[in-house]
């Protein structure tokens, strides 16, 4: 919708659920401050239908590297409490990223190919289950 506000829909094929997502950037990353955003989405990978997450995320690229770690404070409606996701993204090439993320309970690996309009990620969920994620930007 704007450079600060992203809204969308996500489809969880495991439970057959279509649900809204939203992210609002409070602060854009600069040389001296992290990116800070607020958001909501389905709770976690493999979460039950109808569960939601609401979170604040802090991310910062490390100077002179291709590495960008992040950390979140997440309220999980599934667990009715807080957890603390974190991860690190490695820019392999302008169109390729590798990421490891811990969602507050489990660790997942992603390899993403992106263009201006799309993204496709190969996932290794919990280090055991293969998956694919597709994204389209309008």
N, C-alpha and C. Protein backbone atom coordinates (compact mmCIF):
# COMPACT_ATOMS: atom_id res chain seq x y z
N UNK A 1 0.82 -1.19 0.00
CA UNK A 1 0.00 0.00 0.00
C UNK A 1 0.87 1.26 0.00
N UNK A 2 1.92 1.26 0.85
CA UNK A 2 2.88 2.35 0.86
C UNK A 2 4.25 1.74 1.15
N UNK A 3 5.29 2.59 1.17
CA UNK A 3 6.60 2.04 1.51
C UNK A 3 6.68 1.61 2.98
N UNK A 4 5.77 2.09 3.81
CA UNK A 4 5.74 1.70 5.24
C UNK A 4 4.75 0.58 5.53
N UNK A 5 3.63 0.55 4.80
CA UNK A 5 2.54 -0.38 5.11
C UNK A 5 2.41 -1.44 4.03
N UNK A 6 2.57 -2.69 4.44
CA UNK A 6 2.38 -3.83 3.55
C UNK A 6 1.20 -4.63 4.07
N UNK A 7 0.26 -4.95 3.21
CA UNK A 7 -0.88 -5.80 3.57
C UNK A 7 -0.96 -6.93 2.56
N UNK A 8 -1.49 -8.05 3.00
CA UNK A 8 -1.58 -9.18 2.09
C UNK A 8 -2.44 -10.29 2.63
N UNK A 9 -2.44 -11.37 1.87
CA UNK A 9 -3.14 -12.59 2.25
C UNK A 9 -2.13 -13.72 2.21
N UNK A 10 -2.26 -14.64 3.14
CA UNK A 10 -1.43 -15.83 3.10
C UNK A 10 -2.34 -17.04 3.11
N UNK A 11 -1.94 -18.04 2.35
CA UNK A 11 -2.70 -19.29 2.28
C UNK A 11 -1.86 -20.39 2.90
N UNK A 12 -2.41 -21.04 3.90
CA UNK A 12 -1.74 -22.17 4.56
C UNK A 12 -2.37 -23.45 4.02
N UNK A 13 -1.67 -24.10 3.09
CA UNK A 13 -2.20 -25.30 2.44
C UNK A 13 -2.37 -26.47 3.41
N UNK A 14 -1.59 -26.50 4.49
CA UNK A 14 -1.67 -27.61 5.45
C UNK A 14 -3.05 -27.65 6.11
N UNK A 15 -3.60 -26.49 6.48
CA UNK A 15 -4.91 -26.45 7.13
C UNK A 15 -5.99 -25.83 6.24
N UNK A 16 -5.64 -25.44 5.01
CA UNK A 16 -6.61 -24.87 4.08
C UNK A 16 -7.16 -23.52 4.51
N UNK A 17 -6.29 -22.68 5.05
CA UNK A 17 -6.73 -21.40 5.62
C UNK A 17 -6.15 -20.22 4.85
N UNK A 18 -7.00 -19.25 4.54
CA UNK A 18 -6.60 -17.99 3.95
C UNK A 18 -6.76 -16.92 5.03
N UNK A 19 -5.68 -16.18 5.31
CA UNK A 19 -5.75 -15.19 6.39
C UNK A 19 -4.96 -13.93 6.02
N UNK A 20 -5.31 -12.81 6.65
CA UNK A 20 -4.63 -11.54 6.34
C UNK A 20 -3.26 -11.45 7.01
N UNK A 21 -2.39 -10.65 6.40
CA UNK A 21 -1.11 -10.29 6.99
C UNK A 21 -0.95 -8.78 6.87
N UNK A 22 -0.17 -8.21 7.75
CA UNK A 22 0.10 -6.78 7.67
C UNK A 22 1.42 -6.49 8.38
N UNK A 23 2.15 -5.54 7.84
CA UNK A 23 3.39 -5.06 8.45
C UNK A 23 3.47 -3.56 8.29
N UNK A 24 3.85 -2.89 9.35
CA UNK A 24 4.03 -1.44 9.31
C UNK A 24 5.43 -1.12 9.81
N UNK A 25 6.21 -0.42 8.99
CA UNK A 25 7.57 -0.06 9.38
C UNK A 25 7.55 1.22 10.20
N UNK A 26 7.92 1.10 11.45
CA UNK A 26 8.01 2.28 12.33
C UNK A 26 9.26 3.08 12.04
N UNK A 27 10.40 2.38 11.87
CA UNK A 27 11.68 3.02 11.57
C UNK A 27 12.36 2.26 10.45
N UNK A 28 12.81 2.98 9.44
CA UNK A 28 13.62 2.36 8.40
C UNK A 28 15.06 2.25 8.90
N UNK A 29 15.75 1.23 8.46
CA UNK A 29 17.15 1.04 8.84
C UNK A 29 18.00 2.16 8.27
N UNK A 30 18.90 2.66 9.10
CA UNK A 30 19.92 3.63 8.67
C UNK A 30 21.27 3.12 9.16
N UNK A 31 22.31 3.86 8.90
CA UNK A 31 23.63 3.47 9.38
C UNK A 31 23.69 3.38 10.90
N UNK A 32 22.80 4.15 11.58
CA UNK A 32 22.87 4.22 13.05
C UNK A 32 21.65 3.67 13.78
N UNK A 33 20.66 3.19 13.04
CA UNK A 33 19.48 2.64 13.73
C UNK A 33 18.98 1.40 13.00
N UNK A 34 18.37 0.48 13.75
CA UNK A 34 17.80 -0.72 13.12
C UNK A 34 16.46 -0.40 12.47
N UNK A 35 16.02 -1.31 11.63
CA UNK A 35 14.65 -1.29 11.14
C UNK A 35 13.78 -1.80 12.28
N UNK A 36 12.62 -1.16 12.47
CA UNK A 36 11.66 -1.59 13.48
C UNK A 36 10.30 -1.66 12.80
N UNK A 37 9.64 -2.82 12.91
CA UNK A 37 8.33 -2.96 12.29
C UNK A 37 7.37 -3.68 13.23
N UNK A 38 6.07 -3.41 13.03
CA UNK A 38 4.99 -4.09 13.73
C UNK A 38 4.26 -4.94 12.71
N UNK A 39 3.76 -6.10 13.13
CA UNK A 39 3.04 -6.92 12.16
C UNK A 39 2.12 -7.94 12.79
N UNK A 40 1.34 -8.58 11.91
CA UNK A 40 0.48 -9.68 12.29
C UNK A 40 0.40 -10.66 11.12
N UNK A 41 0.32 -11.95 11.45
CA UNK A 41 0.22 -13.00 10.45
C UNK A 41 -0.30 -14.26 11.13
N UNK A 42 -0.36 -15.36 10.37
CA UNK A 42 -0.68 -16.63 11.02
C UNK A 42 0.42 -16.88 12.06
N UNK A 43 0.13 -17.73 13.04
CA UNK A 43 1.03 -17.83 14.19
C UNK A 43 2.42 -18.31 13.83
N UNK A 44 2.58 -19.53 13.35
CA UNK A 44 3.89 -20.06 12.98
C UNK A 44 3.70 -21.13 11.92
N UNK A 45 4.80 -21.56 11.33
CA UNK A 45 4.73 -22.70 10.42
C UNK A 45 4.14 -23.88 11.19
N UNK A 46 3.17 -24.54 10.61
CA UNK A 46 2.47 -25.70 11.17
C UNK A 46 1.53 -25.34 12.33
N UNK A 47 1.19 -24.06 12.50
CA UNK A 47 0.26 -23.69 13.56
C UNK A 47 -1.17 -24.07 13.18
N UNK A 48 -2.02 -24.28 14.17
CA UNK A 48 -3.42 -24.65 13.91
C UNK A 48 -4.18 -23.50 13.23
N UNK A 49 -5.22 -23.87 12.53
CA UNK A 49 -6.09 -22.89 11.87
C UNK A 49 -6.62 -21.87 12.88
N UNK A 50 -6.64 -20.61 12.46
CA UNK A 50 -7.21 -19.55 13.29
C UNK A 50 -6.27 -18.94 14.30
N UNK A 51 -5.05 -19.44 14.42
CA UNK A 51 -4.11 -18.86 15.39
C UNK A 51 -3.33 -17.73 14.73
N UNK A 52 -3.08 -16.68 15.49
CA UNK A 52 -2.46 -15.46 14.98
C UNK A 52 -1.23 -15.12 15.80
N UNK A 53 -0.33 -14.38 15.16
CA UNK A 53 0.84 -13.81 15.83
C UNK A 53 0.79 -12.31 15.64
N UNK A 54 1.18 -11.59 16.66
CA UNK A 54 1.34 -10.14 16.60
C UNK A 54 2.74 -9.86 17.13
N UNK A 55 3.52 -9.05 16.40
CA UNK A 55 4.93 -8.95 16.74
C UNK A 55 5.52 -7.58 16.44
N UNK A 56 6.63 -7.34 17.09
CA UNK A 56 7.50 -6.21 16.77
C UNK A 56 8.87 -6.83 16.44
N UNK A 57 9.45 -6.37 15.34
CA UNK A 57 10.72 -6.94 14.86
C UNK A 57 11.76 -5.84 14.73
N UNK A 58 12.99 -6.17 15.12
CA UNK A 58 14.14 -5.28 15.01
C UNK A 58 15.16 -5.98 14.12
N UNK A 59 15.63 -5.30 13.07
CA UNK A 59 16.62 -5.90 12.17
C UNK A 59 17.68 -4.89 11.79
N UNK A 60 18.90 -5.36 11.59
CA UNK A 60 20.00 -4.45 11.26
C UNK A 60 21.05 -5.18 10.45
N UNK A 61 21.35 -4.65 9.27
CA UNK A 61 22.46 -5.18 8.48
C UNK A 61 23.77 -4.89 9.18
N UNK A 62 24.68 -5.85 9.16
CA UNK A 62 25.99 -5.63 9.76
C UNK A 62 26.85 -4.89 8.74
N UNK A 63 27.50 -3.80 9.15
CA UNK A 63 28.30 -2.99 8.21
C UNK A 63 29.35 -3.82 7.46
N UNK A 64 29.46 -3.53 6.18
CA UNK A 64 30.47 -4.15 5.31
C UNK A 64 30.35 -5.67 5.21
N UNK A 65 29.12 -6.17 5.40
CA UNK A 65 28.86 -7.61 5.24
C UNK A 65 27.57 -7.77 4.44
N UNK A 66 27.23 -9.00 4.15
CA UNK A 66 25.95 -9.33 3.51
C UNK A 66 25.02 -10.00 4.52
N UNK A 67 25.28 -9.77 5.81
CA UNK A 67 24.57 -10.43 6.90
C UNK A 67 23.62 -9.46 7.59
N UNK A 68 22.38 -9.92 7.82
CA UNK A 68 21.38 -9.09 8.48
C UNK A 68 20.62 -9.92 9.53
N UNK A 69 20.99 -9.80 10.80
CA UNK A 69 20.24 -10.51 11.85
C UNK A 69 18.97 -9.74 12.24
N UNK A 70 18.04 -10.47 12.85
CA UNK A 70 16.82 -9.83 13.37
C UNK A 70 16.40 -10.56 14.64
N UNK A 71 15.59 -9.88 15.42
CA UNK A 71 14.99 -10.46 16.62
C UNK A 71 13.59 -9.87 16.75
N UNK A 72 12.65 -10.66 17.28
CA UNK A 72 11.27 -10.22 17.44
C UNK A 72 10.77 -10.51 18.84
N UNK A 73 9.78 -9.77 19.23
CA UNK A 73 8.96 -10.09 20.40
C UNK A 73 7.59 -10.42 19.82
N UNK A 74 7.12 -11.63 20.04
CA UNK A 74 5.94 -12.15 19.36
C UNK A 74 4.90 -12.61 20.37
N UNK A 75 3.65 -12.16 20.18
CA UNK A 75 2.56 -12.71 20.99
C UNK A 75 1.88 -13.79 20.16
N UNK A 76 1.84 -15.00 20.68
CA UNK A 76 1.26 -16.16 20.01
C UNK A 76 -0.13 -16.45 20.57
N UNK A 77 -1.15 -16.35 19.70
CA UNK A 77 -2.50 -16.71 20.18
C UNK A 77 -2.61 -18.23 20.36
N UNK A 78 -1.79 -19.00 19.68
CA UNK A 78 -1.77 -20.45 19.83
C UNK A 78 -1.34 -20.82 21.26
N UNK A 79 -0.28 -20.19 21.73
CA UNK A 79 0.23 -20.50 23.06
C UNK A 79 -0.27 -19.54 24.13
N UNK A 80 -0.95 -18.47 23.70
CA UNK A 80 -1.44 -17.43 24.62
C UNK A 80 -0.31 -16.87 25.48
N UNK A 81 0.78 -16.54 24.80
CA UNK A 81 1.93 -15.98 25.49
C UNK A 81 2.97 -15.49 24.50
N UNK A 82 4.07 -15.03 25.04
CA UNK A 82 5.13 -14.44 24.24
C UNK A 82 6.22 -15.47 23.92
N UNK A 83 6.83 -15.30 22.75
CA UNK A 83 8.06 -16.01 22.43
C UNK A 83 8.97 -15.02 21.70
N UNK A 84 10.17 -15.44 21.39
CA UNK A 84 11.19 -14.52 20.91
C UNK A 84 11.90 -15.07 19.67
N UNK A 85 11.25 -14.94 18.50
CA UNK A 85 11.89 -15.39 17.25
C UNK A 85 13.14 -14.58 16.94
N UNK A 86 14.06 -15.22 16.22
CA UNK A 86 15.28 -14.53 15.78
C UNK A 86 15.83 -15.27 14.57
N UNK A 87 16.72 -14.62 13.87
CA UNK A 87 17.33 -15.29 12.73
C UNK A 87 18.37 -14.40 12.08
N UNK A 88 18.90 -14.91 10.98
CA UNK A 88 19.89 -14.15 10.23
C UNK A 88 19.70 -14.45 8.74
N UNK A 89 19.77 -13.38 7.96
CA UNK A 89 19.66 -13.48 6.51
C UNK A 89 21.04 -13.22 5.90
N UNK A 90 21.39 -14.01 4.89
CA UNK A 90 22.64 -13.83 4.17
C UNK A 90 22.30 -13.57 2.71
N UNK A 91 22.68 -12.41 2.20
CA UNK A 91 22.47 -12.08 0.80
C UNK A 91 23.55 -12.78 -0.01
N UNK A 92 23.13 -13.76 -0.81
CA UNK A 92 24.08 -14.53 -1.60
C UNK A 92 24.38 -13.84 -2.93
N UNK A 93 23.39 -13.11 -3.41
CA UNK A 93 23.41 -12.47 -4.73
C UNK A 93 22.23 -11.50 -4.71
N UNK A 94 22.18 -10.49 -5.57
CA UNK A 94 21.03 -9.58 -5.52
C UNK A 94 19.66 -10.27 -5.57
N UNK A 95 19.57 -11.45 -6.21
CA UNK A 95 18.27 -12.14 -6.29
C UNK A 95 18.17 -13.36 -5.39
N UNK A 96 19.21 -13.70 -4.65
CA UNK A 96 19.21 -14.91 -3.82
C UNK A 96 19.55 -14.58 -2.37
N UNK A 97 18.76 -15.13 -1.45
CA UNK A 97 19.02 -15.02 -0.01
C UNK A 97 18.98 -16.40 0.63
N UNK A 98 19.78 -16.58 1.65
CA UNK A 98 19.70 -17.76 2.51
C UNK A 98 19.39 -17.26 3.91
N UNK A 99 18.51 -17.97 4.61
CA UNK A 99 18.12 -17.53 5.95
C UNK A 99 17.98 -18.74 6.85
N UNK A 100 18.38 -18.55 8.09
CA UNK A 100 18.04 -19.49 9.15
C UNK A 100 17.21 -18.69 10.13
N UNK A 101 16.10 -19.27 10.56
CA UNK A 101 15.23 -18.57 11.50
C UNK A 101 14.74 -19.52 12.58
N UNK A 102 14.67 -18.99 13.77
CA UNK A 102 14.10 -19.73 14.91
C UNK A 102 12.81 -19.00 15.24
N UNK A 103 11.67 -19.70 15.14
CA UNK A 103 10.37 -19.04 15.28
C UNK A 103 9.90 -18.90 16.72
N UNK A 104 10.77 -19.12 17.66
CA UNK A 104 10.41 -19.09 19.06
C UNK A 104 10.31 -20.49 19.66
N UNK A 105 10.17 -21.49 18.78
CA UNK A 105 10.10 -22.89 19.21
C UNK A 105 10.94 -23.82 18.31
N UNK A 106 10.95 -23.54 17.00
CA UNK A 106 11.60 -24.43 16.04
C UNK A 106 12.49 -23.64 15.09
N UNK A 107 13.49 -24.33 14.53
CA UNK A 107 14.41 -23.69 13.59
C UNK A 107 14.10 -24.15 12.17
N UNK A 108 14.12 -23.19 11.23
CA UNK A 108 13.81 -23.44 9.83
C UNK A 108 14.90 -22.82 8.96
N UNK A 109 15.14 -23.44 7.80
CA UNK A 109 16.12 -22.96 6.83
C UNK A 109 15.39 -22.58 5.56
N UNK A 110 15.79 -21.47 4.93
CA UNK A 110 15.15 -21.01 3.70
C UNK A 110 16.20 -20.60 2.67
N UNK A 111 15.91 -20.89 1.43
CA UNK A 111 16.68 -20.40 0.30
C UNK A 111 15.67 -19.71 -0.61
N UNK A 112 15.85 -18.41 -0.86
CA UNK A 112 14.85 -17.61 -1.56
C UNK A 112 15.42 -17.00 -2.83
N UNK A 113 14.63 -17.12 -3.91
CA UNK A 113 14.90 -16.42 -5.17
C UNK A 113 13.84 -15.34 -5.30
N UNK A 114 14.26 -14.10 -5.56
CA UNK A 114 13.30 -12.99 -5.59
C UNK A 114 13.51 -12.11 -6.82
N UNK A 115 12.38 -11.58 -7.30
CA UNK A 115 12.37 -10.56 -8.34
C UNK A 115 11.58 -9.39 -7.77
N UNK A 116 11.36 -8.35 -8.55
CA UNK A 116 10.55 -7.23 -8.06
C UNK A 116 9.11 -7.64 -7.77
N UNK A 117 8.60 -8.63 -8.50
CA UNK A 117 7.19 -9.02 -8.37
C UNK A 117 6.95 -10.31 -7.60
N UNK A 118 7.96 -11.18 -7.49
CA UNK A 118 7.73 -12.50 -6.89
C UNK A 118 8.87 -12.91 -5.96
N UNK A 119 8.57 -13.89 -5.13
CA UNK A 119 9.60 -14.57 -4.36
C UNK A 119 9.21 -16.04 -4.25
N UNK A 120 10.21 -16.90 -4.31
CA UNK A 120 10.00 -18.33 -4.17
C UNK A 120 11.04 -18.84 -3.18
N UNK A 121 10.57 -19.51 -2.14
CA UNK A 121 11.47 -20.02 -1.11
C UNK A 121 11.36 -21.53 -1.01
N UNK A 122 12.50 -22.18 -0.93
CA UNK A 122 12.58 -23.59 -0.58
C UNK A 122 12.84 -23.62 0.92
N UNK A 123 12.00 -24.35 1.66
CA UNK A 123 12.10 -24.38 3.12
C UNK A 123 12.49 -25.77 3.61
N UNK A 124 13.26 -25.79 4.66
CA UNK A 124 13.51 -27.01 5.42
C UNK A 124 12.96 -26.72 6.82
N UNK A 125 11.71 -27.13 7.04
CA UNK A 125 10.97 -26.84 8.27
C UNK A 125 11.42 -27.78 9.38
N UNK A 126 11.75 -27.20 10.52
CA UNK A 126 12.23 -27.97 11.68
C UNK A 126 13.45 -28.81 11.34
N UNK A 127 14.14 -28.46 10.25
CA UNK A 127 15.30 -29.23 9.83
C UNK A 127 14.95 -30.61 9.30
N UNK A 128 13.63 -30.90 9.04
CA UNK A 128 13.20 -32.24 8.63
C UNK A 128 12.24 -32.27 7.45
N UNK A 129 11.38 -31.26 7.31
CA UNK A 129 10.30 -31.31 6.33
C UNK A 129 10.52 -30.27 5.24
N UNK A 130 10.45 -30.71 3.98
CA UNK A 130 10.62 -29.79 2.86
C UNK A 130 9.33 -29.08 2.55
N UNK A 131 9.44 -27.82 2.15
CA UNK A 131 8.27 -27.04 1.77
C UNK A 131 8.66 -25.96 0.77
N UNK A 132 7.64 -25.34 0.21
CA UNK A 132 7.84 -24.26 -0.76
C UNK A 132 6.90 -23.13 -0.39
N UNK A 133 7.38 -21.92 -0.52
CA UNK A 133 6.56 -20.72 -0.30
C UNK A 133 6.67 -19.83 -1.53
N UNK A 134 5.51 -19.33 -1.98
CA UNK A 134 5.48 -18.42 -3.12
C UNK A 134 4.89 -17.09 -2.67
N UNK A 135 5.42 -16.00 -3.16
CA UNK A 135 4.88 -14.68 -2.87
C UNK A 135 4.76 -13.88 -4.16
N UNK A 136 3.68 -13.11 -4.26
CA UNK A 136 3.44 -12.25 -5.41
C UNK A 136 3.16 -10.84 -4.89
N UNK A 137 3.77 -9.87 -5.52
CA UNK A 137 3.59 -8.47 -5.13
C UNK A 137 2.76 -7.76 -6.19
N UNK A 138 1.75 -7.03 -5.76
CA UNK A 138 0.91 -6.27 -6.68
C UNK A 138 1.20 -4.80 -6.60
